[in-house]
Amino acid sequence: MAGIIRAAFVAVRQTRRARVIAGGLAIAAISACTTGSVLSLEPAVDVGSQTSAVPKYAGMQRLVPSNPYMTAAYPRMDEPMAPTEQMPASEVDCRNELKRLGVVYTDLAPIREGQCGIDYPVKISAIGSIGMKPAATLTCDMAATFAGWTRNELVPSARWRYFSGVKTIRQGSSYSCRRIAGEGVLSEHGKGNALDVMSIELGNGKEIDVRKPGLFAFRTRGFLNTVRADGCQYFTTVLGPGYNYDHRNHFHFDIKNRRNGYRACR
């Protein structure tokens, strides 16, 4: 009788041990398929090549008028211009103007993306000693217009108000194939005729954020007002903080060709 009881006890213990082992294997298997913790009930996250945090882009984008983060979300692989590529005289003259203005640039191969593109793009990395970060891909006309405004208006304004030169212009979007939200019209970014400026770093280390300054930031407000007003003498469109929510954190400059020479400065 004692032998029968002992045998039953051993069988029960082995069954429990088997259940524990099976449970441990199940937990290990689940843990191998998730980035969350089973014990703490953290949600699993897809760690594949495409996650919900990384949107897919295909073709022309439907975004806000100027998305200052488009260059990060939609990276391009730039190709240099072919040595045999022949440029029209107007493009040659424009590049001579870039050299006169001290612009550091690289000629790129033509960009063609459906309705978007630039026939003779240039990639601007500096205007004299002023760095452009990141480098901006533009038409030569837009690059020359922006360089002229930088040298003739932006730099003198910074010296007058801050007693300092300009070290870096931080841009958020240059060429980008997309439409203007709510209008269905191709953005000037899709033609390489637009540039968004996020902030300006001075030679003394001060960084001027383009966002609307505080109530008592008189010097910054005066500087940004000057930037906007002077820009209207060079560009056909200047939009910035105060115009609408989409432009709350940057200045949008472009050279859109409008009827009767109309300019949009807001």
Protein backbone atom coordinates (compact mmCIF):
# COMPACT_ATOMS: atom_id res chain seq x y z
CA MET A 1 0.00 0.00 0.00
CA ALA A 2 2.83 2.42 0.90
CA GLY A 3 4.50 1.68 -2.43
CA ILE A 4 1.37 2.60 -4.35
CA ILE A 5 1.03 5.95 -2.49
CA ARG A 6 4.72 6.76 -3.10
CA ALA A 7 4.37 6.01 -6.83
CA ALA A 8 1.29 8.27 -7.09
CA PHE A 9 3.14 11.12 -5.32
CA VAL A 10 6.10 10.84 -7.74
CA ALA A 11 3.75 10.90 -10.73
CA VAL A 12 2.02 14.05 -9.49
CA ARG A 13 5.38 15.79 -8.88
CA GLN A 14 6.59 14.91 -12.38
CA THR A 15 3.38 16.25 -13.90
CA ARG A 16 3.79 19.58 -12.07
CA ARG A 17 7.42 19.82 -13.19
CA ALA A 18 6.40 19.21 -16.80
CA ARG A 19 3.78 21.98 -16.58
CA VAL A 20 6.36 24.44 -15.19
CA ILE A 21 8.82 23.61 -17.98
CA ALA A 22 6.12 23.94 -20.63
CA GLY A 23 5.06 27.31 -19.20
CA GLY A 24 8.65 28.58 -19.23
CA LEU A 25 9.11 27.54 -22.85
CA ALA A 26 5.88 29.31 -23.81
CA ILE A 27 7.02 32.55 -22.14
CA ALA A 28 10.41 32.35 -23.85
CA ALA A 29 8.75 31.83 -27.21
CA ILE A 30 6.47 34.84 -26.73
CA SER A 31 9.37 37.03 -25.54
CA ALA A 32 11.34 36.17 -28.69
CA CYS A 33 8.55 37.62 -30.86
CA THR A 34 7.99 40.94 -29.10
CA THR A 35 9.93 43.97 -27.92
CA GLY A 36 7.67 44.36 -24.87
CA SER A 37 7.90 42.60 -21.52
CA VAL A 38 5.38 39.81 -20.92
CA LEU A 39 5.61 40.19 -17.15
CA SER A 40 5.07 43.96 -17.12
CA LEU A 41 2.37 43.85 -19.84
CA GLU A 42 4.17 46.39 -22.05
CA PRO A 43 2.71 46.60 -25.56
CA ALA A 44 4.63 44.94 -28.35
CA VAL A 45 6.23 47.10 -31.04
CA ASP A 46 6.77 46.12 -34.65
CA VAL A 47 10.52 46.24 -35.18
CA GLY A 48 10.43 45.26 -38.83
CA SER A 49 11.86 47.30 -41.71
CA GLN A 50 8.75 49.50 -41.74
CA THR A 51 7.12 50.62 -38.49
CA SER A 52 4.19 52.86 -37.80
CA ALA A 53 6.63 55.62 -36.77
CA VAL A 54 8.25 55.70 -40.23
CA PRO A 55 5.72 56.75 -42.89
CA LYS A 56 6.00 55.49 -46.46
CA TYR A 57 6.34 58.05 -49.23
CA ALA A 58 5.63 57.48 -52.88
CA GLY A 59 5.58 60.22 -55.48
CA MET A 60 4.21 63.67 -54.82
CA GLN A 61 3.42 64.42 -51.20
CA ARG A 62 0.21 66.03 -49.91
CA LEU A 63 1.61 68.17 -47.13
CA VAL A 64 1.38 71.63 -45.62
CA PRO A 65 2.61 74.55 -47.76
CA SER A 66 6.07 74.26 -46.25
CA ASN A 67 6.95 71.20 -44.24
CA PRO A 68 10.27 72.12 -42.59
CA TYR A 69 11.07 68.50 -41.82
CA MET A 70 10.59 67.10 -45.30
CA THR A 71 14.31 66.85 -46.01
CA ALA A 72 14.67 64.43 -43.10
CA ALA A 73 11.56 62.40 -43.90
CA TYR A 74 12.15 62.11 -47.64
CA PRO A 75 15.92 61.81 -48.23
CA ARG A 76 17.34 62.17 -51.73
CA MET A 77 20.37 60.64 -53.37
CA ASP A 78 21.99 63.50 -55.27
CA GLU A 79 23.88 62.78 -58.48
CA PRO A 80 26.49 65.15 -59.93
CA MET A 81 25.90 66.70 -63.32
CA ALA A 82 27.32 64.69 -66.22
CA PRO A 83 30.49 66.25 -67.71
CA THR A 84 28.85 66.31 -71.15
CA GLU A 85 25.74 68.20 -69.98
CA GLN A 86 25.30 71.47 -71.87
CA MET A 87 23.63 74.38 -70.09
CA PRO A 88 21.86 77.28 -71.76
CA ALA A 89 23.49 80.71 -71.62
CA SER A 90 21.07 81.90 -68.92
CA GLU A 91 22.20 79.12 -66.59
CA VAL A 92 25.86 79.86 -67.28
CA ASP A 93 25.28 83.55 -66.52
CA CYS A 94 23.48 82.62 -63.30
CA ARG A 95 26.40 80.51 -62.13
CA ASN A 96 28.74 83.40 -62.81
CA GLU A 97 26.52 85.43 -60.50
CA LEU A 98 26.77 82.72 -57.83
CA LYS A 99 30.54 82.91 -58.06
CA ARG A 100 30.44 86.70 -57.79
CA LEU A 101 28.34 86.37 -54.63
CA GLY A 102 30.81 83.85 -53.17
CA VAL A 103 28.33 80.96 -53.18
CA VAL A 104 29.78 77.49 -52.65
CA TYR A 105 27.74 75.13 -54.80
CA THR A 106 27.74 71.86 -56.73
CA ASP A 107 25.97 71.24 -60.03
CA LEU A 108 23.61 68.27 -59.84
CA ALA A 109 22.08 66.04 -62.48
CA PRO A 110 18.58 67.03 -63.66
CA ILE A 111 15.79 66.09 -61.23
CA ARG A 112 12.59 64.77 -62.82
CA GLU A 113 9.73 63.42 -60.70
CA GLY A 114 6.46 63.67 -62.63
CA GLN A 115 5.29 67.29 -62.41
CA CYS A 116 8.19 68.12 -60.08
CA GLY A 117 11.83 68.64 -60.90
CA ILE A 118 14.69 71.00 -61.72
CA ASP A 119 16.42 71.01 -65.11
CA TYR A 120 19.72 72.42 -63.85
CA PRO A 121 19.80 72.14 -60.04
CA VAL A 122 22.53 73.44 -57.77
CA LYS A 123 23.28 72.34 -54.23
CA ILE A 124 24.26 75.27 -51.98
CA SER A 125 26.48 74.56 -48.99
CA ALA A 126 27.65 78.09 -48.14
CA ILE A 127 27.32 81.76 -49.03
CA GLY A 128 30.77 83.16 -48.50
CA SER A 129 31.68 82.27 -44.91
CA ILE A 130 28.04 81.59 -43.98
CA GLY A 131 27.21 77.90 -43.84
CA MET A 132 23.93 76.50 -45.15
CA LYS A 133 22.86 73.55 -43.00
CA PRO A 134 21.84 71.25 -44.44
CA ALA A 135 22.91 72.07 -47.97
CA ALA A 136 19.98 73.29 -50.09
CA THR A 137 18.99 71.98 -53.53
CA LEU A 138 17.53 74.82 -55.61
CA THR A 139 17.29 76.34 -59.05
CA CYS A 140 20.19 78.65 -59.78
CA ASP A 141 17.83 81.67 -59.90
CA MET A 142 16.50 80.92 -56.41
CA ALA A 143 20.02 80.33 -55.09
CA ALA A 144 21.25 83.64 -56.52
CA THR A 145 18.23 85.53 -55.16
CA PHE A 146 18.69 84.07 -51.69
CA ALA A 147 22.45 84.74 -51.74
CA GLY A 148 21.88 88.38 -52.76
CA TRP A 149 19.36 88.87 -49.95
CA THR A 150 21.69 87.21 -47.45
CA ARG A 151 24.69 89.38 -48.29
CA ASN A 152 22.86 92.68 -48.85
CA GLU A 153 20.14 92.54 -46.20
CA LEU A 154 20.49 89.74 -43.65
CA VAL A 155 24.15 90.27 -42.76
CA PRO A 156 23.91 94.09 -42.39
CA SER A 157 20.76 93.73 -40.27
CA ALA A 158 22.52 91.28 -37.93
CA ARG A 159 25.53 93.56 -37.57
CA TRP A 160 23.35 96.59 -36.88
CA ARG A 161 21.18 94.92 -34.22
CA TYR A 162 23.57 92.36 -32.69
CA PHE A 163 27.02 93.71 -33.62
CA SER A 164 27.82 90.30 -35.08
CA GLY A 165 28.06 88.58 -38.43
CA VAL A 166 26.03 85.55 -39.51
CA LYS A 167 27.67 82.15 -39.10
CA THR A 168 24.99 79.65 -40.19
CA ILE A 169 21.59 79.62 -41.83
CA ARG A 170 19.61 76.54 -40.80
CA GLN A 171 17.09 75.60 -43.47
CA GLY A 172 14.31 73.04 -43.16
CA SER A 173 13.25 72.42 -46.75
CA SER A 174 14.51 73.27 -50.22
CA TYR A 175 13.53 71.08 -53.20
CA SER A 176 10.69 68.70 -52.27
CA CYS A 177 8.05 67.21 -54.56
CA ARG A 178 4.69 68.11 -53.04
CA ARG A 179 1.44 70.03 -53.45
CA ILE A 180 0.11 72.88 -51.32
CA ALA A 181 -2.33 71.40 -48.81
CA GLY A 182 -5.96 72.13 -49.55
CA GLU A 183 -5.26 73.65 -52.97
CA GLY A 184 -3.98 70.80 -55.14
CA VAL A 185 -1.43 73.21 -56.64
CA LEU A 186 2.20 72.20 -57.04
CA SER A 187 4.32 73.86 -54.35
CA GLU A 188 7.25 76.03 -55.39
CA HIS A 189 9.35 73.55 -53.40
CA GLY A 190 8.51 71.04 -56.14
CA LYS A 191 10.18 73.35 -58.67
CA GLY A 192 13.25 74.17 -56.56
CA ASN A 193 12.12 77.79 -56.24
CA ALA A 194 11.52 77.84 -52.46
CA LEU A 195 13.51 77.69 -49.25
CA ASP A 196 12.40 77.51 -45.60
CA VAL A 197 14.59 79.14 -42.95
CA MET A 198 14.26 77.81 -39.40
CA SER A 199 16.92 79.73 -37.50
CA ILE A 200 19.96 81.96 -37.92
CA GLU A 201 23.16 81.45 -35.92
CA LEU A 202 25.30 84.53 -35.39
CA GLY A 203 29.06 84.71 -35.17
CA ASN A 204 28.87 85.46 -31.44
CA GLY A 205 27.13 82.12 -30.81
CA LYS A 206 23.59 83.45 -30.45
CA GLU A 207 20.95 81.50 -32.36
CA ILE A 208 17.86 83.40 -33.45
CA ASP A 209 14.82 81.15 -33.72
CA VAL A 210 12.40 82.31 -36.38
CA ARG A 211 9.37 81.46 -34.23
CA LYS A 212 7.39 84.43 -32.96
CA PRO A 213 9.44 85.97 -30.11
CA GLY A 214 8.16 86.75 -26.65
CA LEU A 215 6.42 89.97 -25.68
CA PHE A 216 9.57 91.68 -24.41
CA ALA A 217 12.03 90.35 -27.02
CA PHE A 218 12.23 93.76 -28.69
CA ARG A 219 15.57 93.24 -30.44
CA THR A 220 14.63 89.84 -31.85
CA ARG A 221 11.22 91.09 -32.96
CA GLY A 222 12.78 94.07 -34.71
CA PHE A 223 15.33 91.85 -36.44
CA LEU A 224 12.71 89.36 -37.67
CA ASN A 225 10.46 92.18 -38.88
CA THR A 226 13.38 93.55 -40.86
CA VAL A 227 14.11 90.10 -42.30
CA ARG A 228 10.51 89.81 -43.48
CA ALA A 229 10.31 93.34 -44.91
CA ASP A 230 13.66 93.22 -46.73
CA GLY A 231 12.85 89.78 -48.10
CA CYS A 232 9.84 91.22 -49.94
CA GLN A 233 12.23 93.26 -52.09
CA TYR A 234 13.90 90.08 -53.37
CA PHE A 235 11.31 87.27 -53.25
CA THR A 236 7.77 87.17 -54.61
CA THR A 237 6.58 85.23 -51.54
CA VAL A 238 7.59 85.71 -47.91
CA LEU A 239 5.48 83.87 -45.34
CA GLY A 240 6.34 83.42 -41.68
CA PRO A 241 5.12 83.29 -38.08
CA GLY A 242 1.87 85.14 -37.68
CA TYR A 243 0.65 84.26 -41.18
CA ASN A 244 -0.85 80.87 -40.29
CA TYR A 245 -0.20 77.80 -38.16
CA ASP A 246 1.76 75.98 -40.88
CA HIS A 247 4.37 78.77 -40.92
CA ARG A 248 4.60 79.24 -37.16
CA ASN A 249 8.25 78.14 -36.94
CA HIS A 250 9.94 79.23 -40.17
CA PHE A 251 10.16 81.78 -42.94
CA HIS A 252 9.14 80.55 -46.38
CA PHE A 253 10.82 82.35 -49.31
CA ASP A 254 10.09 81.68 -52.97
CA ILE A 255 10.27 83.32 -56.41
CA LYS A 256 6.92 82.23 -57.82
CA ASN A 257 6.08 84.06 -61.05
CA ARG A 258 2.72 85.84 -60.66
CA ARG A 259 0.69 88.09 -62.91
CA ASN A 260 1.32 91.83 -62.80
CA GLY A 261 4.34 91.34 -60.52
CA TYR A 262 2.17 90.57 -57.48
CA ARG A 263 4.05 89.71 -54.28
CA ALA A 264 2.72 87.88 -51.23
CA CYS A 265 4.46 89.20 -48.11
CA ARG A 266 2.73 88.18 -44.91
